[in-house]
Amino acid sequence: MPLTILRQPPDLSSYTLLSIHQSCTPASFQTPVLHFHAPSTTLLIAPEHISLLPIFPDVPTPSSAAPDQLQIPKIELLISSQTLTLYNAPSKIGISLPYPSITLHAIQRTPYGTGIYMQISLSPANAAAHTNTDEYDQDELLEITILPD
């Protein structure tokens, strides 16, 4: 399942809150459980990776003298039982990532605070079926760090 582009802000009513999910047996397991919601986080991303995600249309193309990481504020974060969602409210665009796309995650200390470091595979869903190692090496890995505000 590839990354999904969102043109509307995430609708919190389409999720079951974790506290409600844990308090009783759900009538249905169709609604994703919302484990965490942060209406405003800061995203750290390398300048060369900014063009890999469609949620940064307002960020200018960095110059060669750009810093190692750009800080993108006001990114809404939702972590559900099915996806990780990042929504850029000022630009009115977001993405929803299925968990298999996140190849690595860890806690990272940065000069800006402690955050969640992630490597995200942007290769197609069938990339694992490729037997050609040259094609496999061409997978695009995006590195981001999310800093909760």
C-alpha atoms as a PDB file:
ATOM      1  CA  MET A   1       0.000   0.000   0.000  1.00  0.00           C
ATOM      2  CA  PRO A   2       1.687   3.213  -1.125  1.00  0.00           C
ATOM      3  CA  LEU A   3       1.655   6.614   0.453  1.00  0.00           C
ATOM      4  CA  THR A   4      -1.708   8.414   0.174  1.00  0.00           C
ATOM      5  CA  ILE A   5      -1.952  12.153  -0.509  1.00  0.00           C
ATOM      6  CA  LEU A   6      -4.542  14.031   1.560  1.00  0.00           C
ATOM      7  CA  ARG A   7      -6.231  17.206   0.304  1.00  0.00           C
ATOM      8  CA  GLN A   8      -8.402  17.645   3.426  1.00  0.00           C
ATOM      9  CA  PRO A   9      -7.306  17.851   7.065  1.00  0.00           C
ATOM     10  CA  PRO A  10      -7.579  14.556   8.950  1.00  0.00           C
ATOM     11  CA  ASP A  11     -11.051  14.040  10.436  1.00  0.00           C
ATOM     12  CA  LEU A  12     -10.619  13.010  14.068  1.00  0.00           C
ATOM     13  CA  SER A  13     -14.163  11.616  14.140  1.00  0.00           C
ATOM     14  CA  SER A  14     -13.074   8.886  11.721  1.00  0.00           C
ATOM     15  CA  TYR A  15     -10.888   7.388  14.467  1.00  0.00           C
ATOM     16  CA  THR A  16     -11.700   5.598  17.709  1.00  0.00           C
ATOM     17  CA  LEU A  17      -9.854   7.240  20.590  1.00  0.00           C
ATOM     18  CA  LEU A  18      -7.471   4.882  22.368  1.00  0.00           C
ATOM     19  CA  SER A  19      -9.150   5.507  25.750  1.00  0.00           C
ATOM     20  CA  ILE A  20     -12.548   4.474  24.337  1.00  0.00           C
ATOM     21  CA  HIS A  21     -11.041   1.471  22.559  1.00  0.00           C
ATOM     22  CA  GLN A  22      -9.442   0.253  25.802  1.00  0.00           C
ATOM     23  CA  SER A  23     -12.490   0.870  28.001  1.00  0.00           C
ATOM     24  CA  CYS A  24     -14.864  -1.569  26.293  1.00  0.00           C
ATOM     25  CA  THR A  25     -15.116  -4.166  23.584  1.00  0.00           C
ATOM     26  CA  PRO A  26     -15.675  -2.295  20.339  1.00  0.00           C
ATOM     27  CA  ALA A  27     -18.817  -2.993  18.343  1.00  0.00           C
ATOM     28  CA  SER A  28     -16.656  -3.039  15.241  1.00  0.00           C
ATOM     29  CA  PHE A  29     -12.963  -3.236  14.458  1.00  0.00           C
ATOM     30  CA  GLN A  30     -13.281  -1.268  11.226  1.00  0.00           C
ATOM     31  CA  THR A  31     -12.463   2.173  12.613  1.00  0.00           C
ATOM     32  CA  PRO A  32      -8.728   2.785  13.114  1.00  0.00           C
ATOM     33  CA  VAL A  33      -7.667   3.480  16.687  1.00  0.00           C
ATOM     34  CA  LEU A  34      -6.027   6.868  17.233  1.00  0.00           C
ATOM     35  CA  HIS A  35      -3.008   6.288  19.477  1.00  0.00           C
ATOM     36  CA  PHE A  36      -1.540   9.799  19.339  1.00  0.00           C
ATOM     37  CA  HIS A  37      -2.498  13.191  17.940  1.00  0.00           C
ATOM     38  CA  ALA A  38      -0.313  16.317  17.953  1.00  0.00           C
ATOM     39  CA  PRO A  39      -1.920  19.287  16.184  1.00  0.00           C
ATOM     40  CA  SER A  40       1.415  21.049  15.694  1.00  0.00           C
ATOM     41  CA  THR A  41       4.830  19.427  15.414  1.00  0.00           C
ATOM     42  CA  THR A  42       8.068  20.420  13.722  1.00  0.00           C
ATOM     43  CA  LEU A  43       9.520  18.224  11.011  1.00  0.00           C
ATOM     44  CA  LEU A  44      13.272  18.075  10.378  1.00  0.00           C
ATOM     45  CA  ILE A  45      14.206  17.046   6.861  1.00  0.00           C
ATOM     46  CA  ALA A  46      17.378  17.204   4.773  1.00  0.00           C
ATOM     47  CA  PRO A  47      17.189  19.839   2.016  1.00  0.00           C
ATOM     48  CA  GLU A  48      17.813  17.209  -0.668  1.00  0.00           C
ATOM     49  CA  HIS A  49      14.773  15.215   0.554  1.00  0.00           C
ATOM     50  CA  ILE A  50      12.287  18.098   0.530  1.00  0.00           C
ATOM     51  CA  SER A  51      11.159  17.326  -3.026  1.00  0.00           C
ATOM     52  CA  LEU A  52      10.420  13.664  -2.214  1.00  0.00           C
ATOM     53  CA  LEU A  53       7.238  14.468  -0.265  1.00  0.00           C
ATOM     54  CA  PRO A  54       4.398  16.453  -1.837  1.00  0.00           C
ATOM     55  CA  ILE A  55       3.466  18.207   1.414  1.00  0.00           C
ATOM     56  CA  PHE A  56       6.028  21.019   1.174  1.00  0.00           C
ATOM     57  CA  PRO A  57       4.966  23.148  -1.820  1.00  0.00           C
ATOM     58  CA  ASP A  58       5.763  26.421  -0.040  1.00  0.00           C
ATOM     59  CA  VAL A  59       9.332  25.517   0.922  1.00  0.00           C
ATOM     60  CA  PRO A  60      11.806  27.077  -1.515  1.00  0.00           C
ATOM     61  CA  THR A  61      14.390  24.873  -3.168  1.00  0.00           C
ATOM     62  CA  PRO A  62      17.406  25.012  -0.868  1.00  0.00           C
ATOM     63  CA  SER A  63      20.677  26.526  -2.000  1.00  0.00           C
ATOM     64  CA  SER A  64      24.002  24.755  -1.744  1.00  0.00           C
ATOM     65  CA  ALA A  65      24.653  26.749   1.440  1.00  0.00           C
ATOM     66  CA  ALA A  66      21.479  25.394   3.091  1.00  0.00           C
ATOM     67  CA  PRO A  67      21.726  23.898   6.588  1.00  0.00           C
ATOM     68  CA  ASP A  68      21.943  20.134   7.108  1.00  0.00           C
ATOM     69  CA  GLN A  69      18.268  19.985   8.077  1.00  0.00           C
ATOM     70  CA  LEU A  70      15.323  22.250   7.393  1.00  0.00           C
ATOM     71  CA  GLN A  71      12.753  22.865  10.116  1.00  0.00           C
ATOM     72  CA  ILE A  72       9.156  22.693   8.880  1.00  0.00           C
ATOM     73  CA  PRO A  73       6.764  23.881  11.632  1.00  0.00           C
ATOM     74  CA  LYS A  74       3.006  23.379  12.058  1.00  0.00           C
ATOM     75  CA  ILE A  75       2.804  19.783  10.825  1.00  0.00           C
ATOM     76  CA  GLU A  76      -0.164  17.880  12.294  1.00  0.00           C
ATOM     77  CA  LEU A  77       0.715  14.325  13.349  1.00  0.00           C
ATOM     78  CA  LEU A  78      -1.696  11.418  13.781  1.00  0.00           C
ATOM     79  CA  ILE A  79      -0.555   7.938  14.747  1.00  0.00           C
ATOM     80  CA  SER A  80      -3.303   5.372  14.295  1.00  0.00           C
ATOM     81  CA  SER A  81      -3.471   1.600  14.351  1.00  0.00           C
ATOM     82  CA  GLN A  82      -3.147   1.601  10.548  1.00  0.00           C
ATOM     83  CA  THR A  83      -1.137   4.625   9.401  1.00  0.00           C
ATOM     84  CA  LEU A  84       1.080   7.532  10.297  1.00  0.00           C
ATOM     85  CA  THR A  85      -0.391  10.789   8.973  1.00  0.00           C
ATOM     86  CA  LEU A  86       1.423  14.095   8.463  1.00  0.00           C
ATOM     87  CA  TYR A  87      -0.685  17.096   7.442  1.00  0.00           C
ATOM     88  CA  ASN A  88       0.723  20.500   6.494  1.00  0.00           C
ATOM     89  CA  ALA A  89      -2.189  22.774   7.484  1.00  0.00           C
ATOM     90  CA  PRO A  90      -0.764  26.016   6.021  1.00  0.00           C
ATOM     91  CA  SER A  91      -0.388  24.300   2.616  1.00  0.00           C
ATOM     92  CA  LYS A  92      -3.589  22.217   2.989  1.00  0.00           C
ATOM     93  CA  ILE A  93      -1.921  18.975   1.939  1.00  0.00           C
ATOM     94  CA  GLY A  94      -0.829  15.855   3.780  1.00  0.00           C
ATOM     95  CA  ILE A  95       0.227  12.240   3.487  1.00  0.00           C
ATOM     96  CA  SER A  96      -0.816   9.016   5.101  1.00  0.00           C
ATOM     97  CA  LEU A  97       1.864   6.330   5.343  1.00  0.00           C
ATOM     98  CA  PRO A  98       1.165   2.647   5.933  1.00  0.00           C
ATOM     99  CA  TYR A  99       3.482   1.217   8.568  1.00  0.00           C
ATOM    100  CA  PRO A 100       5.399  -1.110   6.193  1.00  0.00           C
ATOM    101  CA  SER A 101       6.726   2.082   4.531  1.00  0.00           C
ATOM    102  CA  ILE A 102       8.527   3.001   7.758  1.00  0.00           C
ATOM    103  CA  THR A 103      11.669   0.904   7.547  1.00  0.00           C
ATOM    104  CA  LEU A 104      13.320   2.258  10.698  1.00  0.00           C
ATOM    105  CA  HIS A 105      12.271   4.415  13.627  1.00  0.00           C
ATOM    106  CA  ALA A 106      14.074   5.496  16.769  1.00  0.00           C
ATOM    107  CA  ILE A 107      14.261   8.233  19.362  1.00  0.00           C
ATOM    108  CA  GLN A 108      16.790  10.870  18.334  1.00  0.00           C
ATOM    109  CA  ARG A 109      18.323  13.746  20.244  1.00  0.00           C
ATOM    110  CA  THR A 110      18.832  16.822  18.078  1.00  0.00           C
ATOM    111  CA  PRO A 111      19.996  20.376  18.809  1.00  0.00           C
ATOM    112  CA  TYR A 112      16.283  21.289  18.649  1.00  0.00           C
ATOM    113  CA  GLY A 113      15.071  18.669  21.145  1.00  0.00           C
ATOM    114  CA  THR A 114      14.245  14.977  21.296  1.00  0.00           C
ATOM    115  CA  GLY A 115      12.239  13.580  18.415  1.00  0.00           C
ATOM    116  CA  ILE A 116      11.225  10.504  16.494  1.00  0.00           C
ATOM    117  CA  TYR A 117      13.652   9.663  13.696  1.00  0.00           C
ATOM    118  CA  MET A 118      12.261   7.677  10.758  1.00  0.00           C
ATOM    119  CA  GLN A 119      13.486   6.206   7.512  1.00  0.00           C
ATOM    120  CA  ILE A 120      10.626   5.906   5.041  1.00  0.00           C
ATOM    121  CA  SER A 121      10.764   3.790   1.905  1.00  0.00           C
ATOM    122  CA  LEU A 122       9.183   5.557  -1.048  1.00  0.00           C
ATOM    123  CA  SER A 123       9.547   2.574  -3.355  1.00  0.00           C
ATOM    124  CA  PRO A 124       6.459   0.932  -4.833  1.00  0.00           C
ATOM    125  CA  ALA A 125       4.680  -1.755  -2.833  1.00  0.00           C
ATOM    126  CA  ASN A 126       6.000  -4.507  -5.089  1.00  0.00           C
ATOM    127  CA  ALA A 127       9.660  -3.519  -4.679  1.00  0.00           C
ATOM    128  CA  ALA A 128      10.268  -6.495  -2.397  1.00  0.00           C
ATOM    129  CA  ALA A 129       9.398  -8.793  -5.309  1.00  0.00           C
ATOM    130  CA  HIS A 130      12.289  -7.471  -7.416  1.00  0.00           C
ATOM    131  CA  THR A 131      15.128  -9.923  -7.734  1.00  0.00           C
ATOM    132  CA  ASN A 132      17.484  -7.490  -9.416  1.00  0.00           C
ATOM    133  CA  THR A 133      19.678  -6.086  -6.652  1.00  0.00           C
ATOM    134  CA  ASP A 134      20.464  -3.006  -8.756  1.00  0.00           C
ATOM    135  CA  GLU A 135      16.772  -2.086  -8.746  1.00  0.00           C
ATOM    136  CA  TYR A 136      16.566  -2.742  -5.018  1.00  0.00           C
ATOM    137  CA  ASP A 137      19.490  -0.405  -4.398  1.00  0.00           C
ATOM    138  CA  GLN A 138      17.597   2.359  -6.195  1.00  0.00           C
ATOM    139  CA  ASP A 139      14.872   2.509  -3.515  1.00  0.00           C
ATOM    140  CA  GLU A 140      14.412   6.026  -2.263  1.00  0.00           C
ATOM    141  CA  LEU A 141      14.778   6.322   1.494  1.00  0.00           C
ATOM    142  CA  LEU A 142      13.526   9.495   3.064  1.00  0.00           C
ATOM    143  CA  GLU A 143      14.853  10.483   6.488  1.00  0.00           C
ATOM    144  CA  ILE A 144      12.762  12.718   8.739  1.00  0.00           C
ATOM    145  CA  THR A 145      12.652  13.589  12.420  1.00  0.00           C
ATOM    146  CA  ILE A 146       9.406  14.641  14.086  1.00  0.00           C
ATOM    147  CA  LEU A 147       9.718  16.999  17.057  1.00  0.00           C
ATOM    148  CA  PRO A 148       6.553  17.237  19.166  1.00  0.00           C
ATOM    149  CA  ASP A 149       5.835  20.803  20.308  1.00  0.00           C
END
